[in-house]
PDB file of N, CA and C in Angstrom:
ATOM      1  N   MET A   1      -8.651 -16.667   9.102  1.00  0.00           N
ATOM      2  CA  MET A   1      -9.586 -15.656   9.544  1.00  0.00           C
ATOM      3  C   MET A   1     -11.000 -16.172   9.276  1.00  0.00           C
ATOM      4  N   PRO A   2     -11.905 -16.091  10.253  1.00  0.00           N
ATOM      5  CA  PRO A   2     -13.281 -16.534  10.037  1.00  0.00           C
ATOM      6  C   PRO A   2     -13.940 -15.750   8.909  1.00  0.00           C
ATOM      7  N   GLN A   3     -14.860 -16.400   8.204  1.00  0.00           N
ATOM      8  CA  GLN A   3     -15.494 -15.770   7.050  1.00  0.00           C
ATOM      9  C   GLN A   3     -16.281 -14.522   7.405  1.00  0.00           C
ATOM     10  N   ASN A   4     -16.876 -14.479   8.597  1.00  0.00           N
ATOM     11  CA  ASN A   4     -17.695 -13.325   8.952  1.00  0.00           C
ATOM     12  C   ASN A   4     -16.877 -12.163   9.499  1.00  0.00           C
ATOM     13  N   GLU A   5     -15.576 -12.338   9.649  1.00  0.00           N
ATOM     14  CA  GLU A   5     -14.732 -11.259  10.178  1.00  0.00           C
ATOM     15  C   GLU A   5     -14.340 -10.305   9.055  1.00  0.00           C
ATOM     16  N   ASN A   6     -14.383  -9.024   9.349  1.00  0.00           N
ATOM     17  CA  ASN A   6     -14.024  -7.997   8.379  1.00  0.00           C
ATOM     18  C   ASN A   6     -12.513  -8.034   8.140  1.00  0.00           C
ATOM     19  N   PRO A   7     -12.063  -8.202   6.880  1.00  0.00           N
ATOM     20  CA  PRO A   7     -10.627  -8.280   6.614  1.00  0.00           C
ATOM     21  C   PRO A   7      -9.891  -6.980   6.944  1.00  0.00           C
ATOM     22  N   LYS A   8     -10.601  -5.864   7.082  1.00  0.00           N
ATOM     23  CA  LYS A   8      -9.972  -4.592   7.407  1.00  0.00           C
ATOM     24  C   LYS A   8      -9.566  -4.525   8.877  1.00  0.00           C
ATOM     25  N   ARG A   9     -10.010  -5.479   9.698  1.00  0.00           N
ATOM     26  CA  ARG A   9      -9.816  -5.389  11.132  1.00  0.00           C
ATOM     27  C   ARG A   9      -8.512  -6.021  11.622  1.00  0.00           C
ATOM     28  N   PHE A  10      -7.718  -6.636  10.755  1.00  0.00           N
ATOM     29  CA  PHE A  10      -6.478  -7.194  11.250  1.00  0.00           C
ATOM     30  C   PHE A  10      -5.400  -6.131  11.332  1.00  0.00           C
ATOM     31  N   ASP A  11      -4.301  -6.451  11.990  1.00  0.00           N
ATOM     32  CA  ASP A  11      -3.337  -5.386  12.293  1.00  0.00           C
ATOM     33  C   ASP A  11      -2.643  -4.843  11.048  1.00  0.00           C
ATOM     34  N   LEU A  12      -2.093  -3.654  11.191  1.00  0.00           N
ATOM     35  CA  LEU A  12      -1.520  -2.945  10.047  1.00  0.00           C
ATOM     36  C   LEU A  12      -0.313  -3.654   9.443  1.00  0.00           C
ATOM     37  N   GLU A  13       0.426  -4.379  10.246  1.00  0.00           N
ATOM     38  CA  GLU A  13       1.564  -5.119   9.688  1.00  0.00           C
ATOM     39  C   GLU A  13       1.052  -6.162   8.694  1.00  0.00           C
ATOM     40  N   ASP A  14       0.019  -6.900   9.082  1.00  0.00           N
ATOM     41  CA  ASP A  14      -0.577  -7.890   8.179  1.00  0.00           C
ATOM     42  C   ASP A  14      -1.250  -7.209   6.989  1.00  0.00           C
ATOM     43  N   ARG A  15      -1.927  -6.120   7.260  1.00  0.00           N
ATOM     44  CA  ARG A  15      -2.666  -5.426   6.205  1.00  0.00           C
ATOM     45  C   ARG A  15      -1.725  -4.850   5.159  1.00  0.00           C
ATOM     46  N   THR A  16      -0.619  -4.251   5.581  1.00  0.00           N
ATOM     47  CA  THR A  16       0.322  -3.683   4.611  1.00  0.00           C
ATOM     48  C   THR A  16       1.028  -4.797   3.836  1.00  0.00           C
ATOM     49  N   PHE A  17       1.275  -5.934   4.498  1.00  0.00           N
ATOM     50  CA  PHE A  17       1.864  -7.093   3.818  1.00  0.00           C
ATOM     51  C   PHE A  17       0.907  -7.609   2.744  1.00  0.00           C
ATOM     52  N   ALA A  18      -0.367  -7.745   3.104  1.00  0.00           N
ATOM     53  CA  ALA A  18      -1.378  -8.223   2.160  1.00  0.00           C
ATOM     54  C   ALA A  18      -1.507  -7.253   0.976  1.00  0.00           C
ATOM     55  N   PHE A  19      -1.428  -5.959   1.255  1.00  0.00           N
ATOM     56  CA  PHE A  19      -1.498  -4.950   0.200  1.00  0.00           C
ATOM     57  C   PHE A  19      -0.349  -5.141  -0.795  1.00  0.00           C
ATOM     58  N   ALA A  20       0.863  -5.301  -0.292  1.00  0.00           N
ATOM     59  CA  ALA A  20       2.020  -5.490  -1.175  1.00  0.00           C
ATOM     60  C   ALA A  20       1.887  -6.784  -1.985  1.00  0.00           C
ATOM     61  N   LYS A  21       1.413  -7.852  -1.343  1.00  0.00           N
ATOM     62  CA  LYS A  21       1.226  -9.132  -2.048  1.00  0.00           C
ATOM     63  C   LYS A  21       0.177  -8.999  -3.155  1.00  0.00           C
ATOM     64  N   ARG A  22      -0.925  -8.317  -2.851  1.00  0.00           N
ATOM     65  CA  ARG A  22      -1.975  -8.133  -3.854  1.00  0.00           C
ATOM     66  C   ARG A  22      -1.483  -7.281  -5.021  1.00  0.00           C
ATOM     67  N   CYS A  23      -0.667  -6.272  -4.728  1.00  0.00           N
ATOM     68  CA  CYS A  23      -0.092  -5.457  -5.808  1.00  0.00           C
ATOM     69  C   CYS A  23       0.785  -6.319  -6.701  1.00  0.00           C
ATOM     70  N   ARG A  24       1.573  -7.200  -6.096  1.00  0.00           N
ATOM     71  CA  ARG A  24       2.417  -8.089  -6.884  1.00  0.00           C
ATOM     72  C   ARG A  24       1.569  -9.040  -7.727  1.00  0.00           C
ATOM     73  N   GLY A  25       0.476  -9.516  -7.158  1.00  0.00           N
ATOM     74  CA  GLY A  25      -0.428 -10.378  -7.920  1.00  0.00           C
ATOM     75  C   GLY A  25      -1.034  -9.656  -9.109  1.00  0.00           C
ATOM     76  N   LEU A  26      -1.416  -8.404  -8.912  1.00  0.00           N
ATOM     77  CA  LEU A  26      -1.961  -7.608 -10.008  1.00  0.00           C
ATOM     78  C   LEU A  26      -0.924  -7.428 -11.105  1.00  0.00           C
ATOM     79  N   VAL A  27       0.304  -7.135 -10.707  1.00  0.00           N
ATOM     80  CA  VAL A  27       1.380  -6.913 -11.676  1.00  0.00           C
ATOM     81  C   VAL A  27       1.555  -8.144 -12.576  1.00  0.00           C
ATOM     82  N   LYS A  28       1.433  -9.326 -11.997  1.00  0.00           N
ATOM     83  CA  LYS A  28       1.583 -10.562 -12.784  1.00  0.00           C
ATOM     84  C   LYS A  28       0.502 -10.701 -13.847  1.00  0.00           C
ATOM     85  N   MET A  29      -0.668 -10.097 -13.620  1.00  0.00           N
ATOM     86  CA  MET A  29      -1.793 -10.231 -14.552  1.00  0.00           C
ATOM     87  C   MET A  29      -1.835  -9.133 -15.612  1.00  0.00           C
ATOM     88  N   LEU A  30      -1.051  -8.080 -15.445  1.00  0.00           N
ATOM     89  CA  LEU A  30      -1.108  -6.944 -16.372  1.00  0.00           C
ATOM     90  C   LEU A  30      -0.534  -7.298 -17.739  1.00  0.00           C
ATOM     91  N   ALA A  31      -1.043  -6.625 -18.761  1.00  0.00           N
ATOM     92  CA  ALA A  31      -0.480  -6.756 -20.102  1.00  0.00           C
ATOM     93  C   ALA A  31       0.966  -6.264 -20.065  1.00  0.00           C
ATOM     94  N   LYS A  32       1.828  -6.919 -20.817  1.00  0.00           N
ATOM     95  CA  LYS A  32       3.257  -6.601 -20.801  1.00  0.00           C
ATOM     96  C   LYS A  32       3.599  -5.468 -21.774  1.00  0.00           C
ATOM     97  N   THR A  33       2.994  -4.305 -21.556  1.00  0.00           N
ATOM     98  CA  THR A  33       3.322  -3.138 -22.371  1.00  0.00           C
ATOM     99  C   THR A  33       4.529  -2.442 -21.753  1.00  0.00           C
ATOM    100  N   ILE A  34       5.184  -1.600 -22.525  1.00  0.00           N
ATOM    101  CA  ILE A  34       6.343  -0.868 -22.007  1.00  0.00           C
ATOM    102  C   ILE A  34       5.937  -0.023 -20.802  1.00  0.00           C
ATOM    103  N   GLY A  35       4.830   0.672 -20.910  1.00  0.00           N
ATOM    104  CA  GLY A  35       4.359   1.508 -19.808  1.00  0.00           C
ATOM    105  C   GLY A  35       4.054   0.689 -18.566  1.00  0.00           C
ATOM    106  N   ASN A  36       3.345  -0.418 -18.732  1.00  0.00           N
ATOM    107  CA  ASN A  36       3.007  -1.253 -17.580  1.00  0.00           C
ATOM    108  C   ASN A  36       4.243  -1.839 -16.917  1.00  0.00           C
ATOM    109  N   LEU A  37       5.230  -2.237 -17.703  1.00  0.00           N
ATOM    110  CA  LEU A  37       6.447  -2.810 -17.114  1.00  0.00           C
ATOM    111  C   LEU A  37       7.139  -1.792 -16.207  1.00  0.00           C
ATOM    112  N   GLU A  38       7.262  -0.564 -16.692  1.00  0.00           N
ATOM    113  CA  GLU A  38       7.908   0.480 -15.891  1.00  0.00           C
ATOM    114  C   GLU A  38       7.065   0.865 -14.681  1.00  0.00           C
ATOM    115  N   ASP A  39       5.761   1.045 -14.887  1.00  0.00           N
ATOM    116  CA  ASP A  39       4.886   1.422 -13.783  1.00  0.00           C
ATOM    117  C   ASP A  39       4.799   0.306 -12.746  1.00  0.00           C
ATOM    118  N   ALA A  40       4.797  -0.938 -13.210  1.00  0.00           N
ATOM    119  CA  ALA A  40       4.722  -2.084 -12.303  1.00  0.00           C
ATOM    120  C   ALA A  40       5.950  -2.152 -11.396  1.00  0.00           C
ATOM    121  N   ARG A  41       7.114  -1.879 -11.942  1.00  0.00           N
ATOM    122  CA  ARG A  41       8.337  -1.861 -11.109  1.00  0.00           C
ATOM    123  C   ARG A  41       8.189  -0.853  -9.975  1.00  0.00           C
ATOM    124  N   GLN A  42       7.714   0.320 -10.315  1.00  0.00           N
ATOM    125  CA  GLN A  42       7.535   1.363  -9.314  1.00  0.00           C
ATOM    126  C   GLN A  42       6.477   0.956  -8.288  1.00  0.00           C
ATOM    127  N   LEU A  43       5.405   0.340  -8.751  1.00  0.00           N
ATOM    128  CA  LEU A  43       4.339  -0.110  -7.856  1.00  0.00           C
ATOM    129  C   LEU A  43       4.849  -1.155  -6.878  1.00  0.00           C
ATOM    130  N   VAL A  44       5.622  -2.104  -7.360  1.00  0.00           N
ATOM    131  CA  VAL A  44       6.166  -3.145  -6.484  1.00  0.00           C
ATOM    132  C   VAL A  44       7.035  -2.518  -5.401  1.00  0.00           C
ATOM    133  N   ARG A  45       7.875  -1.576  -5.776  1.00  0.00           N
ATOM    134  CA  ARG A  45       8.747  -0.906  -4.794  1.00  0.00           C
ATOM    135  C   ARG A  45       7.939  -0.121  -3.764  1.00  0.00           C
ATOM    136  N   ALA A  46       7.027   0.713  -4.248  1.00  0.00           N
ATOM    137  CA  ALA A  46       6.262   1.584  -3.344  1.00  0.00           C
ATOM    138  C   ALA A  46       5.358   0.774  -2.419  1.00  0.00           C
ATOM    139  N   SER A  47       4.663  -0.224  -2.959  1.00  0.00           N
ATOM    140  CA  SER A  47       3.735  -0.997  -2.132  1.00  0.00           C
ATOM    141  C   SER A  47       4.478  -1.799  -1.064  1.00  0.00           C
ATOM    142  N   GLY A  48       5.654  -2.300  -1.373  1.00  0.00           N
ATOM    143  CA  GLY A  48       6.460  -3.006  -0.383  1.00  0.00           C
ATOM    144  C   GLY A  48       7.018  -2.073   0.677  1.00  0.00           C
ATOM    145  N   SER A  49       7.295  -0.843   0.295  1.00  0.00           N
ATOM    146  CA  SER A  49       7.843   0.133   1.233  1.00  0.00           C
ATOM    147  C   SER A  49       6.842   0.560   2.295  1.00  0.00           C
ATOM    148  N   VAL A  50       5.549   0.485   1.975  1.00  0.00           N
ATOM    149  CA  VAL A  50       4.536   0.854   2.967  1.00  0.00           C
ATOM    150  C   VAL A  50       4.719  -0.006   4.220  1.00  0.00           C
ATOM    151  N   GLY A  51       4.712  -1.312   4.036  1.00  0.00           N
ATOM    152  CA  GLY A  51       4.834  -2.235   5.162  1.00  0.00           C
ATOM    153  C   GLY A  51       6.208  -2.230   5.802  1.00  0.00           C
ATOM    154  N   ALA A  52       7.237  -2.137   4.980  1.00  0.00           N
ATOM    155  CA  ALA A  52       8.599  -2.136   5.531  1.00  0.00           C
ATOM    156  C   ALA A  52       8.805  -0.946   6.459  1.00  0.00           C
ATOM    157  N   ASN A  53       8.322   0.200   6.052  1.00  0.00           N
ATOM    158  CA  ASN A  53       8.462   1.388   6.896  1.00  0.00           C
ATOM    159  C   ASN A  53       7.553   1.332   8.112  1.00  0.00           C
ATOM    160  N   TYR A  54       6.404   0.673   7.987  1.00  0.00           N
ATOM    161  CA  TYR A  54       5.536   0.509   9.158  1.00  0.00           C
ATOM    162  C   TYR A  54       6.226  -0.366  10.211  1.00  0.00           C
ATOM    163  N   ILE A  55       6.888  -1.424   9.771  1.00  0.00           N
ATOM    164  CA  ILE A  55       7.635  -2.278  10.703  1.00  0.00           C
ATOM    165  C   ILE A  55       8.725  -1.462  11.385  1.00  0.00           C
ATOM    166  N   GLU A  56       9.432  -0.643  10.626  1.00  0.00           N
ATOM    167  CA  GLU A  56      10.471   0.203  11.220  1.00  0.00           C
ATOM    168  C   GLU A  56       9.873   1.226  12.180  1.00  0.00           C
ATOM    169  N   ALA A  57       8.694   1.741  11.863  1.00  0.00           N
ATOM    170  CA  ALA A  57       8.039   2.696  12.763  1.00  0.00           C
ATOM    171  C   ALA A  57       7.721   2.028  14.101  1.00  0.00           C
ATOM    172  N   ASN A  58       7.327   0.764  14.055  1.00  0.00           N
ATOM    173  CA  ASN A  58       7.021   0.032  15.287  1.00  0.00           C
ATOM    174  C   ASN A  58       8.259  -0.169  16.154  1.00  0.00           C
ATOM    175  N   GLU A  59       9.416  -0.077  15.555  1.00  0.00           N
ATOM    176  CA  GLU A  59      10.677  -0.238  16.283  1.00  0.00           C
ATOM    177  C   GLU A  59      11.399   1.095  16.441  1.00  0.00           C
ATOM    178  N   SER A  60      10.673   2.179  16.302  1.00  0.00           N
ATOM    179  CA  SER A  60      11.305   3.496  16.332  1.00  0.00           C
ATOM    180  C   SER A  60      11.987   3.762  17.671  1.00  0.00           C
ATOM    181  N   LEU A  61      13.033   4.552  17.612  1.00  0.00           N
ATOM    182  CA  LEU A  61      13.831   4.864  18.795  1.00  0.00           C
ATOM    183  C   LEU A  61      13.332   6.099  19.525  1.00  0.00           C
ATOM    184  N   SER A  62      12.529   6.894  18.837  1.00  0.00           N
ATOM    185  CA  SER A  62      12.022   8.123  19.442  1.00  0.00           C
ATOM    186  C   SER A  62      10.708   8.507  18.777  1.00  0.00           C
ATOM    187  N   LYS A  63      10.028   9.455  19.376  1.00  0.00           N
ATOM    188  CA  LYS A  63       8.783   9.956  18.789  1.00  0.00           C
ATOM    189  C   LYS A  63       9.061  10.591  17.424  1.00  0.00           C
ATOM    190  N   LYS A  64      10.170  11.310  17.325  1.00  0.00           N
ATOM    191  CA  LYS A  64      10.538  11.957  16.067  1.00  0.00           C
ATOM    192  C   LYS A  64      10.769  10.905  14.972  1.00  0.00           C
ATOM    193  N   ASP A  65      11.427   9.804  15.316  1.00  0.00           N
ATOM    194  CA  ASP A  65      11.671   8.712  14.380  1.00  0.00           C
ATOM    195  C   ASP A  65      10.344   8.074  13.965  1.00  0.00           C
ATOM    196  N   LEU A  66       9.439   7.868  14.925  1.00  0.00           N
ATOM    197  CA  LEU A  66       8.126   7.298  14.643  1.00  0.00           C
ATOM    198  C   LEU A  66       7.369   8.177  13.648  1.00  0.00           C
ATOM    199  N   VAL A  67       7.342   9.477  13.892  1.00  0.00           N
ATOM    200  CA  VAL A  67       6.642  10.411  13.010  1.00  0.00           C
ATOM    201  C   VAL A  67       7.244  10.374  11.611  1.00  0.00           C
ATOM    202  N   CYS A  68       8.548  10.359  11.538  1.00  0.00           N
ATOM    203  CA  CYS A  68       9.227  10.316  10.239  1.00  0.00           C
ATOM    204  C   CYS A  68       8.842   9.055   9.464  1.00  0.00           C
ATOM    205  N   ARG A  69       8.869   7.906  10.120  1.00  0.00           N
ATOM    206  CA  ARG A  69       8.530   6.633   9.462  1.00  0.00           C
ATOM    207  C   ARG A  69       7.062   6.599   9.032  1.00  0.00           C
ATOM    208  N   MET A  70       6.179   7.119   9.874  1.00  0.00           N
ATOM    209  CA  MET A  70       4.757   7.148   9.530  1.00  0.00           C
ATOM    210  C   MET A  70       4.511   8.052   8.316  1.00  0.00           C
ATOM    211  N   LYS A  71       5.251   9.140   8.240  1.00  0.00           N
ATOM    212  CA  LYS A  71       5.123  10.016   7.079  1.00  0.00           C
ATOM    213  C   LYS A  71       5.586   9.293   5.817  1.00  0.00           C
ATOM    214  N   ILE A  72       6.628   8.495   5.947  1.00  0.00           N
ATOM    215  CA  ILE A  72       7.104   7.711   4.795  1.00  0.00           C
ATOM    216  C   ILE A  72       6.053   6.667   4.407  1.00  0.00           C
ATOM    217  N   CYS A  73       5.431   6.020   5.399  1.00  0.00           N
ATOM    218  CA  CYS A  73       4.362   5.054   5.110  1.00  0.00           C
ATOM    219  C   CYS A  73       3.248   5.713   4.309  1.00  0.00           C
ATOM    220  N   ARG A  74       2.822   6.882   4.766  1.00  0.00           N
ATOM    221  CA  ARG A  74       1.748   7.605   4.086  1.00  0.00           C
ATOM    222  C   ARG A  74       2.178   7.998   2.675  1.00  0.00           C
ATOM    223  N   LYS A  75       3.419   8.462   2.540  1.00  0.00           N
ATOM    224  CA  LYS A  75       3.939   8.868   1.227  1.00  0.00           C
ATOM    225  C   LYS A  75       3.997   7.681   0.261  1.00  0.00           C
ATOM    226  N   GLU A  76       4.448   6.524   0.751  1.00  0.00           N
ATOM    227  CA  GLU A  76       4.556   5.340  -0.100  1.00  0.00           C
ATOM    228  C   GLU A  76       3.175   4.804  -0.487  1.00  0.00           C
ATOM    229  N   ALA A  77       2.201   4.906   0.425  1.00  0.00           N
ATOM    230  CA  ALA A  77       0.827   4.501   0.093  1.00  0.00           C
ATOM    231  C   ALA A  77       0.273   5.420  -1.000  1.00  0.00           C
ATOM    232  N   LYS A  78       0.579   6.710  -0.875  1.00  0.00           N
ATOM    233  CA  LYS A  78       0.124   7.678  -1.879  1.00  0.00           C
ATOM    234  C   LYS A  78       0.788   7.405  -3.224  1.00  0.00           C
ATOM    235  N   GLU A  79       2.073   7.079  -3.189  1.00  0.00           N
ATOM    236  CA  GLU A  79       2.785   6.758  -4.430  1.00  0.00           C
ATOM    237  C   GLU A  79       2.237   5.471  -5.049  1.00  0.00           C
ATOM    238  N   SER A  80       1.937   4.488  -4.218  1.00  0.00           N
ATOM    239  CA  SER A  80       1.349   3.238  -4.723  1.00  0.00           C
ATOM    240  C   SER A  80       0.037   3.526  -5.436  1.00  0.00           C
ATOM    241  N   ARG A  81      -0.780   4.379  -4.824  1.00  0.00           N
ATOM    242  CA  ARG A  81      -2.055   4.750  -5.429  1.00  0.00           C
ATOM    243  C   ARG A  81      -1.825   5.377  -6.803  1.00  0.00           C
ATOM    244  N   TYR A  82      -0.814   6.223  -6.912  1.00  0.00           N
ATOM    245  CA  TYR A  82      -0.487   6.868  -8.184  1.00  0.00           C
ATOM    246  C   TYR A  82      -0.153   5.826  -9.257  1.00  0.00           C
ATOM    247  N   TRP A  83       0.755   4.888  -8.924  1.00  0.00           N
ATOM    248  CA  TRP A  83       1.164   3.881  -9.912  1.00  0.00           C
ATOM    249  C   TRP A  83       0.003   2.962 -10.268  1.00  0.00           C
ATOM    250  N   LEU A  84      -0.837   2.651  -9.284  1.00  0.00           N
ATOM    251  CA  LEU A  84      -2.015   1.826  -9.566  1.00  0.00           C
ATOM    252  C   LEU A  84      -2.948   2.528 -10.557  1.00  0.00           C
ATOM    253  N   ARG A  85      -3.122   3.808 -10.384  1.00  0.00           N
ATOM    254  CA  ARG A  85      -4.002   4.563 -11.282  1.00  0.00           C
ATOM    255  C   ARG A  85      -3.401   4.669 -12.680  1.00  0.00           C
ATOM    256  N   LEU A  86      -2.083   4.582 -12.770  1.00  0.00           N
ATOM    257  CA  LEU A  86      -1.398   4.763 -14.042  1.00  0.00           C
ATOM    258  C   LEU A  86      -1.344   3.492 -14.889  1.00  0.00           C
ATOM    259  N   VAL A  87      -1.313   2.326 -14.263  1.00  0.00           N
ATOM    260  CA  VAL A  87      -1.192   1.091 -15.055  1.00  0.00           C
ATOM    261  C   VAL A  87      -2.419   0.907 -15.946  1.00  0.00           C
ATOM    262  N   GLU A  88      -2.180   0.330 -17.101  1.00  0.00           N
ATOM    263  CA  GLU A  88      -3.251   0.057 -18.054  1.00  0.00           C
ATOM    264  C   GLU A  88      -3.874  -1.286 -17.692  1.00  0.00           C
ATOM    265  N   ALA A  89      -5.064  -1.250 -17.140  1.00  0.00           N
ATOM    266  CA  ALA A  89      -5.731  -2.472 -16.709  1.00  0.00           C
ATOM    267  C   ALA A  89      -6.793  -2.882 -17.718  1.00  0.00           C
ATOM    268  N   SER A  90      -6.989  -4.176 -17.828  1.00  0.00           N
ATOM    269  CA  SER A  90      -8.063  -4.709 -18.669  1.00  0.00           C
ATOM    270  C   SER A  90      -9.333  -4.782 -17.824  1.00  0.00           C
ATOM    271  N   ASP A  91     -10.412  -5.270 -18.427  1.00  0.00           N
ATOM    272  CA  ASP A  91     -11.645  -5.448 -17.660  1.00  0.00           C
ATOM    273  C   ASP A  91     -11.406  -6.370 -16.463  1.00  0.00           C
ATOM    274  N   GLN A  92     -10.615  -7.413 -16.680  1.00  0.00           N
ATOM    275  CA  GLN A  92     -10.342  -8.406 -15.627  1.00  0.00           C
ATOM    276  C   GLN A  92      -9.508  -7.798 -14.492  1.00  0.00           C
ATOM    277  N   THR A  93      -8.466  -7.075 -14.816  1.00  0.00           N
ATOM    278  CA  THR A  93      -7.579  -6.531 -13.784  1.00  0.00           C
ATOM    279  C   THR A  93      -8.057  -5.189 -13.255  1.00  0.00           C
ATOM    280  N   GLY A  94      -8.976  -4.544 -13.959  1.00  0.00           N
ATOM    281  CA  GLY A  94      -9.452  -3.226 -13.548  1.00  0.00           C
ATOM    282  C   GLY A  94     -10.162  -3.233 -12.209  1.00  0.00           C
ATOM    283  N   ILE A  95     -10.921  -4.273 -11.928  1.00  0.00           N
ATOM    284  CA  ILE A  95     -11.639  -4.363 -10.650  1.00  0.00           C
ATOM    285  C   ILE A  95     -10.645  -4.468  -9.496  1.00  0.00           C
ATOM    286  N   GLU A  96      -9.663  -5.353  -9.633  1.00  0.00           N
ATOM    287  CA  GLU A  96      -8.653  -5.506  -8.575  1.00  0.00           C
ATOM    288  C   GLU A  96      -7.845  -4.223  -8.425  1.00  0.00           C
ATOM    289  N   ARG A  97      -7.514  -3.590  -9.539  1.00  0.00           N
ATOM    290  CA  ARG A  97      -6.781  -2.322  -9.468  1.00  0.00           C
ATOM    291  C   ARG A  97      -7.583  -1.289  -8.688  1.00  0.00           C
ATOM    292  N   ASP A  98      -8.864  -1.175  -8.972  1.00  0.00           N
ATOM    293  CA  ASP A  98      -9.703  -0.199  -8.273  1.00  0.00           C
ATOM    294  C   ASP A  98      -9.792  -0.499  -6.783  1.00  0.00           C
ATOM    295  N   LEU A  99      -9.863  -1.777  -6.434  1.00  0.00           N
ATOM    296  CA  LEU A  99      -9.882  -2.165  -5.014  1.00  0.00           C
ATOM    297  C   LEU A  99      -8.559  -1.807  -4.332  1.00  0.00           C
ATOM    298  N   LEU A 100      -7.457  -1.988  -5.046  1.00  0.00           N
ATOM    299  CA  LEU A 100      -6.155  -1.644  -4.488  1.00  0.00           C
ATOM    300  C   LEU A 100      -5.980  -0.128  -4.364  1.00  0.00           C
ATOM    301  N   VAL A 101      -6.511   0.632  -5.289  1.00  0.00           N
ATOM    302  CA  VAL A 101      -6.482   2.095  -5.175  1.00  0.00           C
ATOM    303  C   VAL A 101      -7.232   2.502  -3.912  1.00  0.00           C
ATOM    304  N   GLN A 102      -8.386   1.877  -3.676  1.00  0.00           N
ATOM    305  CA  GLN A 102      -9.171   2.161  -2.473  1.00  0.00           C
ATOM    306  C   GLN A 102      -8.395   1.780  -1.213  1.00  0.00           C
ATOM    307  N   GLU A 103      -7.722   0.636  -1.238  1.00  0.00           N
ATOM    308  CA  GLU A 103      -6.932   0.205  -0.077  1.00  0.00           C
ATOM    309  C   GLU A 103      -5.774   1.167   0.182  1.00  0.00           C
ATOM    310  N   ALA A 104      -5.111   1.628  -0.879  1.00  0.00           N
ATOM    311  CA  ALA A 104      -4.023   2.595  -0.713  1.00  0.00           C
ATOM    312  C   ALA A 104      -4.553   3.874  -0.069  1.00  0.00           C
ATOM    313  N   GLN A 105      -5.734   4.312  -0.487  1.00  0.00           N
ATOM    314  CA  GLN A 105      -6.344   5.505   0.092  1.00  0.00           C
ATOM    315  C   GLN A 105      -6.641   5.292   1.573  1.00  0.00           C
ATOM    316  N   GLU A 106      -7.180   4.116   1.906  1.00  0.00           N
ATOM    317  CA  GLU A 106      -7.488   3.821   3.305  1.00  0.00           C
ATOM    318  C   GLU A 106      -6.219   3.781   4.153  1.00  0.00           C
ATOM    319  N   LEU A 107      -5.153   3.194   3.617  1.00  0.00           N
ATOM    320  CA  LEU A 107      -3.881   3.172   4.347  1.00  0.00           C
ATOM    321  C   LEU A 107      -3.351   4.592   4.547  1.00  0.00           C
ATOM    322  N   MET A 108      -3.466   5.430   3.526  1.00  0.00           N
ATOM    323  CA  MET A 108      -3.051   6.831   3.670  1.00  0.00           C
ATOM    324  C   MET A 108      -3.835   7.494   4.795  1.00  0.00           C
ATOM    325  N   ASN A 109      -5.135   7.255   4.831  1.00  0.00           N
ATOM    326  CA  ASN A 109      -5.980   7.846   5.871  1.00  0.00           C
ATOM    327  C   ASN A 109      -5.595   7.348   7.263  1.00  0.00           C
ATOM    328  N   ILE A 110      -5.305   6.069   7.372  1.00  0.00           N
ATOM    329  CA  ILE A 110      -4.908   5.491   8.670  1.00  0.00           C
ATOM    330  C   ILE A 110      -3.599   6.118   9.143  1.00  0.00           C
ATOM    331  N   PHE A 111      -2.614   6.169   8.251  1.00  0.00           N
ATOM    332  CA  PHE A 111      -1.324   6.738   8.656  1.00  0.00           C
ATOM    333  C   PHE A 111      -1.458   8.231   8.962  1.00  0.00           C
ATOM    334  N   GLY A 112      -2.315   8.917   8.231  1.00  0.00           N
ATOM    335  CA  GLY A 112      -2.578  10.324   8.530  1.00  0.00           C
ATOM    336  C   GLY A 112      -3.187  10.501   9.915  1.00  0.00           C
ATOM    337  N   ALA A 113      -4.125   9.621  10.276  1.00  0.00           N
ATOM    338  CA  ALA A 113      -4.747   9.691  11.605  1.00  0.00           C
ATOM    339  C   ALA A 113      -3.732   9.400  12.700  1.00  0.00           C
ATOM    340  N   ILE A 114      -2.865   8.418  12.457  1.00  0.00           N
ATOM    341  CA  ILE A 114      -1.805   8.109  13.431  1.00  0.00           C
ATOM    342  C   ILE A 114      -0.911   9.328  13.625  1.00  0.00           C
ATOM    343  N   LEU A 115      -0.560   9.979  12.526  1.00  0.00           N
ATOM    344  CA  LEU A 115       0.299  11.162  12.609  1.00  0.00           C
ATOM    345  C   LEU A 115      -0.377  12.286  13.379  1.00  0.00           C
ATOM    346  N   ARG A 116      -1.662  12.526  13.116  1.00  0.00           N
ATOM    347  CA  ARG A 116      -2.367  13.598  13.832  1.00  0.00           C
ATOM    348  C   ARG A 116      -2.393  13.322  15.327  1.00  0.00           C
ATOM    349  N   LYS A 117      -2.542  12.071  15.713  1.00  0.00           N
ATOM    350  CA  LYS A 117      -2.595  11.723  17.143  1.00  0.00           C
ATOM    351  C   LYS A 117      -1.206  11.752  17.788  1.00  0.00           C
ATOM    352  N   THR A 118      -0.167  11.513  16.969  1.00  0.00           N
ATOM    353  CA  THR A 118       1.191  11.422  17.498  1.00  0.00           C
ATOM    354  C   THR A 118       1.872  12.779  17.583  1.00  0.00           C
ATOM    355  N   GLU A 119       1.641  13.629  16.588  1.00  0.00           N
ATOM    356  CA  GLU A 119       2.355  14.915  16.533  1.00  0.00           C
ATOM    357  C   GLU A 119       1.838  15.905  17.552  1.00  0.00           C
TER     358      GLU A 119
END
């Protein structure tokens, strides 16, 4: 991607994949506390589900199936945001965590807009 191009402008399949990868990268940097280990597991699952369900939505068999999958995408983005807010971040990981919370919010907004236009 050219340096002057906005990273938010690539397609949602790539964007949700990048989100899940970044969440996994954050998890690797977190302190290994009992709380972080449990929250990180949940974060990895939820962040990966955003993109997986988006791919399934793109292959939906009906409008009803599309709406259902998009709702799951939005729900998983919201859950990812929750786990991101819950992990104990240091000064170093706190900035990336905050950026990922913002990205989860933006993904929720995008899926919400898709749902409003589809329903």
